[in-house]
Protein backbone atom coordinates (compact mmCIF):
# COMPACT_ATOMS: atom_id res chain seq x y z
CA MET A 1 186.98 115.71 -158.42
CA THR A 2 188.75 115.31 -161.79
CA ALA A 3 190.79 112.23 -162.69
CA ALA A 4 194.05 114.15 -162.22
CA ASP A 5 193.05 115.25 -158.70
CA LEU A 6 192.91 111.84 -157.03
CA PRO A 7 196.63 111.21 -156.27
CA GLN A 8 197.03 114.68 -154.75
CA ARG A 9 193.74 114.43 -152.83
CA LEU A 10 194.70 111.06 -151.37
CA ALA A 11 198.20 112.18 -150.38
CA ALA A 12 196.90 115.36 -148.77
CA ALA A 13 194.13 113.61 -146.85
CA LEU A 14 196.43 110.88 -145.53
CA SER A 15 199.12 113.39 -144.59
CA ALA A 16 196.58 115.56 -142.74
CA ALA A 17 195.22 112.53 -140.86
CA GLU A 18 198.74 111.59 -139.78
CA ARG A 19 199.51 115.13 -138.56
CA THR A 20 196.28 115.55 -136.62
CA GLY A 21 195.93 112.00 -135.35
CA HIS A 22 192.41 111.78 -136.81
CA GLY A 23 193.07 108.82 -139.06
CA ALA A 24 191.25 106.12 -137.10
CA ALA A 25 188.25 104.54 -138.79
CA PRO A 26 185.15 106.23 -137.28
CA LEU A 27 182.62 103.59 -138.27
CA ALA A 28 183.85 100.40 -136.62
CA PRO A 29 181.28 97.63 -136.10
CA GLU A 30 179.29 97.53 -132.90
CA LEU A 31 180.62 95.20 -130.17
CA SER A 32 184.04 95.74 -131.68
CA TYR A 33 186.44 96.15 -128.75
CA GLY A 34 189.08 93.47 -129.25
CA ARG A 35 187.63 92.86 -132.69
CA HIS A 36 188.77 95.83 -134.76
CA ARG A 37 189.15 98.75 -132.38
CA GLY A 38 190.91 97.22 -129.38
CA PRO A 39 194.71 97.35 -128.97
CA ALA A 40 196.72 94.64 -130.70
CA PRO A 41 198.37 92.11 -128.37
CA ALA A 42 202.15 91.93 -128.31
CA GLY A 43 202.16 88.67 -130.26
CA ALA A 44 199.95 89.85 -133.10
CA ARG A 45 201.20 89.13 -136.59
CA GLN A 46 201.82 92.07 -138.92
CA ALA A 47 200.15 92.22 -142.31
CA ALA A 48 199.65 94.79 -145.07
CA VAL A 49 196.82 95.40 -147.52
CA ALA A 50 197.04 97.27 -150.81
CA VAL A 51 194.44 99.96 -151.54
CA VAL A 52 195.43 100.51 -155.18
CA TRP A 53 193.37 102.94 -157.24
CA LEU A 54 193.92 102.08 -160.90
CA ARG A 55 193.40 104.56 -163.73
CA ARG A 56 191.84 103.46 -166.99
CA ARG A 57 192.69 104.94 -170.39
CA ASP A 58 189.53 107.07 -170.22
CA GLY A 59 190.78 108.61 -166.96
CA ARG A 60 188.31 106.85 -164.63
CA TRP A 61 189.55 105.33 -161.37
CA TRP A 62 188.60 101.96 -159.90
CA LEU A 63 189.75 99.74 -157.04
CA PRO A 64 190.46 95.99 -157.41
CA LEU A 65 189.03 93.86 -154.62
CA THR A 66 189.27 90.09 -154.19
CA LEU A 67 186.49 87.62 -153.51
CA ARG A 68 188.01 85.02 -151.20
CA PRO A 69 187.28 81.29 -151.74
CA ARG A 70 184.85 79.86 -149.20
CA THR A 71 187.41 77.16 -148.40
CA LEU A 72 189.71 79.64 -146.60
CA ARG A 73 189.91 79.26 -142.84
CA HIS A 74 189.76 83.01 -142.19
CA HIS A 75 187.41 85.39 -144.07
CA GLY A 76 186.33 82.74 -146.58
CA GLY A 77 183.70 84.02 -149.02
CA GLN A 78 184.31 87.65 -148.07
CA VAL A 79 185.40 90.56 -150.26
CA SER A 80 188.84 91.79 -149.26
CA LEU A 81 191.67 94.06 -150.24
CA PRO A 82 194.75 92.27 -151.65
CA GLY A 83 197.23 91.68 -148.87
CA GLY A 84 199.09 89.33 -146.58
CA MET A 85 201.87 88.93 -144.07
CA ILE A 86 204.82 91.35 -143.93
CA GLU A 87 208.02 89.37 -144.41
CA ALA A 88 211.32 90.03 -142.64
CA GLY A 89 213.03 93.16 -143.98
CA GLU A 90 209.92 94.42 -145.79
CA THR A 91 208.11 97.71 -145.28
CA PRO A 92 204.29 97.62 -145.30
CA ALA A 93 204.33 99.25 -148.74
CA GLN A 94 206.68 96.61 -150.17
CA ALA A 95 204.62 93.80 -148.66
CA ALA A 96 201.37 95.29 -149.98
CA LEU A 97 202.65 95.48 -153.56
CA ARG A 98 204.19 92.01 -153.41
CA GLU A 99 200.93 90.51 -152.13
CA PHE A 100 198.97 92.44 -154.78
CA GLN A 101 201.07 90.84 -157.51
CA GLU A 102 200.96 87.37 -155.95
CA GLU A 103 197.17 87.40 -155.54
CA LEU A 104 196.11 89.17 -158.76
CA GLY A 105 198.90 88.01 -161.07
CA HIS A 106 200.26 91.43 -162.09
CA ARG A 107 201.96 94.35 -160.38
CA PRO A 108 200.24 97.73 -160.83
CA VAL A 109 202.01 99.91 -163.41
CA ASP A 110 204.05 102.85 -162.01
CA PRO A 111 202.55 102.79 -158.50
CA LEU A 112 202.56 106.01 -156.48
CA MET A 113 202.36 105.62 -152.70
CA CYS A 114 199.97 108.24 -151.35
CA GLY A 115 200.27 107.27 -147.66
CA GLN A 116 198.89 104.89 -145.07
CA LEU A 117 195.70 104.58 -143.06
CA ASP A 118 196.00 103.78 -139.37
CA PRO A 119 196.83 100.14 -138.58
CA VAL A 120 193.78 98.06 -137.57
CA TYR A 121 193.82 94.95 -135.40
CA VAL A 122 191.68 92.02 -136.61
CA TYR A 123 191.18 89.61 -133.73
CA ASN A 124 189.78 86.73 -135.81
CA SER A 125 193.13 86.21 -137.57
CA ASN A 126 195.29 87.95 -134.90
CA ASN A 127 196.70 90.36 -137.49
CA LEU A 128 197.71 93.98 -137.07
CA VAL A 129 196.92 95.25 -140.57
CA PHE A 130 198.73 98.19 -142.19
CA PRO A 131 196.62 99.63 -145.06
CA VAL A 132 198.80 101.29 -147.74
CA VAL A 133 197.17 103.54 -150.37
CA PHE A 134 198.48 103.82 -153.94
CA THR A 135 197.46 105.13 -157.32
CA ALA A 136 198.70 103.40 -160.48
CA THR A 137 197.94 102.58 -164.09
CA ALA A 138 195.90 99.44 -164.67
CA PRO A 139 197.83 96.53 -166.23
CA SER A 140 196.97 95.94 -169.89
CA ARG A 141 196.64 92.17 -169.39
CA ALA A 142 193.73 90.36 -167.79
CA TRP A 143 194.05 89.44 -164.14
CA ALA A 144 195.51 86.00 -163.35
CA PRO A 145 194.38 85.47 -159.74
CA GLU A 146 195.96 82.87 -157.47
CA PRO A 147 193.13 80.30 -157.19
CA LEU A 148 193.97 79.22 -153.62
CA GLU A 149 193.54 82.81 -152.37
CA VAL A 150 191.27 84.57 -154.87
CA ASP A 151 188.04 83.29 -156.38
CA ARG A 152 187.34 86.44 -158.45
CA VAL A 153 188.66 89.97 -158.91
CA LEU A 154 185.94 92.58 -158.40
CA GLU A 155 186.09 96.20 -159.56
CA MET A 156 184.80 99.09 -157.43
CA PRO A 157 184.56 102.39 -159.35
CA LEU A 158 185.57 105.52 -157.44
CA GLU A 159 182.10 106.94 -158.08
CA MET A 160 180.57 104.04 -156.15
CA LEU A 161 182.80 104.68 -153.13
CA LEU A 162 181.82 108.35 -152.99
CA ARG A 163 178.06 107.86 -153.42
CA PRO A 164 176.23 107.54 -150.07
CA ASP A 165 173.45 105.41 -151.58
CA HIS A 166 175.92 102.55 -152.13
CA CYS A 167 176.81 102.48 -148.43
CA THR A 168 174.66 100.65 -145.90
CA SER A 169 174.72 99.32 -142.32
CA PRO A 170 173.11 95.88 -142.46
CA LEU A 171 172.17 93.98 -139.32
CA ARG A 172 174.35 90.88 -139.02
CA SER A 173 173.84 87.86 -136.78
CA ARG A 174 176.36 85.54 -135.14
CA GLN A 175 175.84 82.39 -133.12
CA ILE A 176 177.19 81.99 -129.59
CA LEU A 177 178.79 78.57 -129.20
CA ARG A 178 179.56 76.62 -126.05
CA ASN A 179 181.36 73.29 -126.40
CA HIS A 180 180.80 73.64 -130.14
CA GLN A 181 177.03 73.83 -129.65
CA PRO A 182 174.88 76.94 -130.33
CA VAL A 183 173.51 78.42 -127.10
CA GLY A 184 172.32 81.78 -128.42
CA SER A 185 173.05 84.55 -130.88
CA PHE A 186 173.75 88.28 -131.06
CA GLU A 187 173.18 90.93 -133.69
CA PHE A 188 175.27 93.95 -134.67
CA LYS A 189 175.55 96.53 -137.45
CA SER A 190 178.61 97.03 -139.63
CA ILE A 191 179.27 99.55 -142.40
CA ALA A 192 179.14 97.91 -145.85
CA TYR A 193 179.13 98.67 -149.57
CA ARG A 194 177.08 96.84 -152.17
CA LEU A 195 179.22 95.61 -155.07
CA GLU A 196 177.56 93.37 -157.65
CA ASP A 197 175.89 90.63 -155.57
CA HIS A 198 178.26 91.03 -152.63
CA LEU A 199 178.54 93.09 -149.46
CA VAL A 200 181.94 94.62 -148.75
CA TRP A 201 182.03 94.79 -144.95
CA GLY A 202 184.30 94.11 -141.96
CA ILE A 203 187.72 95.74 -142.01
CA THR A 204 187.48 96.33 -145.78
CA GLY A 205 184.21 98.23 -145.46
CA MET A 206 185.60 100.23 -142.54
CA LEU A 207 188.73 101.26 -144.44
CA LEU A 208 186.79 102.20 -147.59
CA SER A 209 184.31 104.25 -145.57
CA GLN A 210 187.15 106.07 -143.84
CA LEU A 211 188.85 106.76 -147.17
CA ALA A 212 185.59 108.03 -148.72
CA GLN A 213 185.16 110.54 -145.89
CA MET A 214 188.76 111.70 -146.18
CA ILE A 215 188.92 112.30 -149.93
CA GLY A 216 185.38 113.65 -150.07
CA ASP A 217 186.48 116.68 -148.02
CA PRO A 218 186.91 119.60 -150.47
CA ALA A 219 188.99 121.55 -147.94
CA THR A 220 191.90 119.11 -148.22
CA ALA A 221 195.04 120.79 -149.59
CA ALA A 222 197.33 119.30 -152.25
CA SER A 223 200.34 117.19 -151.40
CA ALA A 224 202.75 115.10 -153.48
CA PRO A 225 202.61 111.28 -153.57
CA ASN A 226 205.80 109.18 -153.70
CA ARG A 227 206.79 106.95 -156.60
CA LEU A 228 207.87 103.41 -155.70
């Protein structure tokens, strides 16, 4: 895939998934009904995340991800896509770009919306998340992350996403609590990517794995993205 191919490949893959109804993430964690793959309850909050592929001057693409502070109540210490709640009157795309700018300090330059992945319900925060995919030019200035929401900005090269050896399924363990006391534990596997010293897993790992499978399909036809 050349640098110029990515916007068309993304738009075509997302459009095909929408037409065929095959856009759901195929690699959800085990024990995930009601966690990521169950239906969202009527009172679930709506949120959007920005999957923004940024192009460098040399033509290479990379994805900004955020390392969340450990002090956060939900998903503290995890690697996430920029995102947050959809405000009244906003579309998911508008909310995703607004949250991107608020969290990283700059809006991506000339963003092109390529489409959306299927919404995913995250039970831990009771959010129905709408992932919106863009391509854009990287800002010329250094990131200025919001310290209450972002500890660091991490960079995932496109080549890393598409290489199977960077993808893993580690065994994770969780305690079972009763009256705030541990009474047991359970283990499960979840798709993850290794990035620096971090594992990108949970909903972020699921969405990236889904996107890698979609754009790695050479049979995908070209389609035009939309400028925002």
